[in-house]
Amino acid sequence: MKKVIEFLQQNPVQYLATVGRDGKAKCRPFMFVLAKDNKL
Protein backbone atom coordinates (compact mmCIF):
# COMPACT_ATOMS: atom_id res chain seq x y z
CA MET A 1 0.00 0.00 0.00
CA LYS A 2 2.89 2.36 0.76
CA LYS A 3 4.14 2.19 -2.86
CA VAL A 4 0.63 2.87 -4.18
CA ILE A 5 0.23 5.93 -1.95
CA GLU A 6 3.67 7.25 -2.97
CA PHE A 7 2.77 6.83 -6.64
CA LEU A 8 -0.56 8.64 -6.22
CA GLN A 9 1.10 11.50 -4.34
CA GLN A 10 3.63 11.92 -7.17
CA ASN A 11 0.85 11.78 -9.80
CA PRO A 12 -2.07 13.65 -8.24
CA VAL A 13 -4.47 13.57 -11.22
CA GLN A 14 -5.39 10.30 -12.90
CA TYR A 15 -7.91 9.65 -15.65
CA LEU A 16 -10.45 6.87 -15.69
CA ALA A 17 -11.77 5.82 -19.08
CA THR A 18 -15.13 4.04 -19.25
CA VAL A 19 -17.90 3.41 -21.75
CA GLY A 20 -21.11 5.26 -21.00
CA ARG A 21 -24.64 3.92 -21.30
CA ASP A 22 -24.82 5.56 -24.70
CA GLY A 23 -21.88 3.41 -25.85
CA LYS A 24 -19.51 6.38 -26.12
CA ALA A 25 -16.15 6.61 -24.38
CA LYS A 26 -15.96 8.79 -21.30
CA CYS A 27 -12.73 10.02 -19.74
CA ARG A 28 -13.02 11.47 -16.26
CA PRO A 29 -10.28 12.95 -14.10
CA PHE A 30 -10.07 11.96 -10.45
CA MET A 31 -7.66 12.62 -7.61
CA PHE A 32 -6.27 10.69 -4.69
CA VAL A 33 -7.58 12.19 -1.44
CA LEU A 34 -6.90 10.16 1.70
CA ALA A 35 -5.35 6.98 3.04
CA LYS A 36 -6.52 5.78 6.45
CA ASP A 37 -6.18 2.39 8.08
CA ASN A 38 -4.48 1.06 4.94
CA LYS A 39 -7.47 1.96 2.76
CA LEU A 40 -7.81 4.62 0.04
C-alpha atoms as a PDB file:
ATOM      1  CA  MET A   1       0.000   0.000   0.000  1.00  0.00           C
ATOM      2  CA  LYS A   2       2.889   2.361   0.758  1.00  0.00           C
ATOM      3  CA  LYS A   3       4.136   2.188  -2.859  1.00  0.00           C
ATOM      4  CA  VAL A   4       0.628   2.868  -4.177  1.00  0.00           C
ATOM      5  CA  ILE A   5       0.230   5.935  -1.949  1.00  0.00           C
ATOM      6  CA  GLU A   6       3.666   7.245  -2.966  1.00  0.00           C
ATOM      7  CA  PHE A   7       2.771   6.833  -6.645  1.00  0.00           C
ATOM      8  CA  LEU A   8      -0.559   8.639  -6.216  1.00  0.00           C
ATOM      9  CA  GLN A   9       1.097  11.496  -4.342  1.00  0.00           C
ATOM     10  CA  GLN A  10       3.631  11.922  -7.166  1.00  0.00           C
ATOM     11  CA  ASN A  11       0.853  11.781  -9.801  1.00  0.00           C
ATOM     12  CA  PRO A  12      -2.071  13.651  -8.241  1.00  0.00           C
ATOM     13  CA  VAL A  13      -4.471  13.572 -11.219  1.00  0.00           C
ATOM     14  CA  GLN A  14      -5.393  10.303 -12.904  1.00  0.00           C
ATOM     15  CA  TYR A  15      -7.913   9.651 -15.654  1.00  0.00           C
ATOM     16  CA  LEU A  16     -10.454   6.874 -15.686  1.00  0.00           C
ATOM     17  CA  ALA A  17     -11.768   5.820 -19.083  1.00  0.00           C
ATOM     18  CA  THR A  18     -15.127   4.039 -19.252  1.00  0.00           C
ATOM     19  CA  VAL A  19     -17.902   3.406 -21.749  1.00  0.00           C
ATOM     20  CA  GLY A  20     -21.115   5.262 -21.001  1.00  0.00           C
ATOM     21  CA  ARG A  21     -24.643   3.920 -21.296  1.00  0.00           C
ATOM     22  CA  ASP A  22     -24.821   5.559 -24.703  1.00  0.00           C
ATOM     23  CA  GLY A  23     -21.876   3.405 -25.854  1.00  0.00           C
ATOM     24  CA  LYS A  24     -19.510   6.375 -26.116  1.00  0.00           C
ATOM     25  CA  ALA A  25     -16.148   6.606 -24.383  1.00  0.00           C
ATOM     26  CA  LYS A  26     -15.965   8.790 -21.301  1.00  0.00           C
ATOM     27  CA  CYS A  27     -12.733  10.020 -19.738  1.00  0.00           C
ATOM     28  CA  ARG A  28     -13.017  11.473 -16.258  1.00  0.00           C
ATOM     29  CA  PRO A  29     -10.278  12.954 -14.098  1.00  0.00           C
ATOM     30  CA  PHE A  30     -10.071  11.965 -10.452  1.00  0.00           C
ATOM     31  CA  MET A  31      -7.663  12.623  -7.606  1.00  0.00           C
ATOM     32  CA  PHE A  32      -6.268  10.690  -4.689  1.00  0.00           C
ATOM     33  CA  VAL A  33      -7.577  12.193  -1.435  1.00  0.00           C
ATOM     34  CA  LEU A  34      -6.905  10.156   1.702  1.00  0.00           C
ATOM     35  CA  ALA A  35      -5.347   6.984   3.045  1.00  0.00           C
ATOM     36  CA  LYS A  36      -6.525   5.776   6.449  1.00  0.00           C
ATOM     37  CA  ASP A  37      -6.182   2.387   8.084  1.00  0.00           C
ATOM     38  CA  ASN A  38      -4.478   1.060   4.942  1.00  0.00           C
ATOM     39  CA  LYS A  39      -7.471   1.961   2.759  1.00  0.00           C
ATOM     40  CA  LEU A  40      -7.815   4.616   0.039  1.00  0.00           C
END
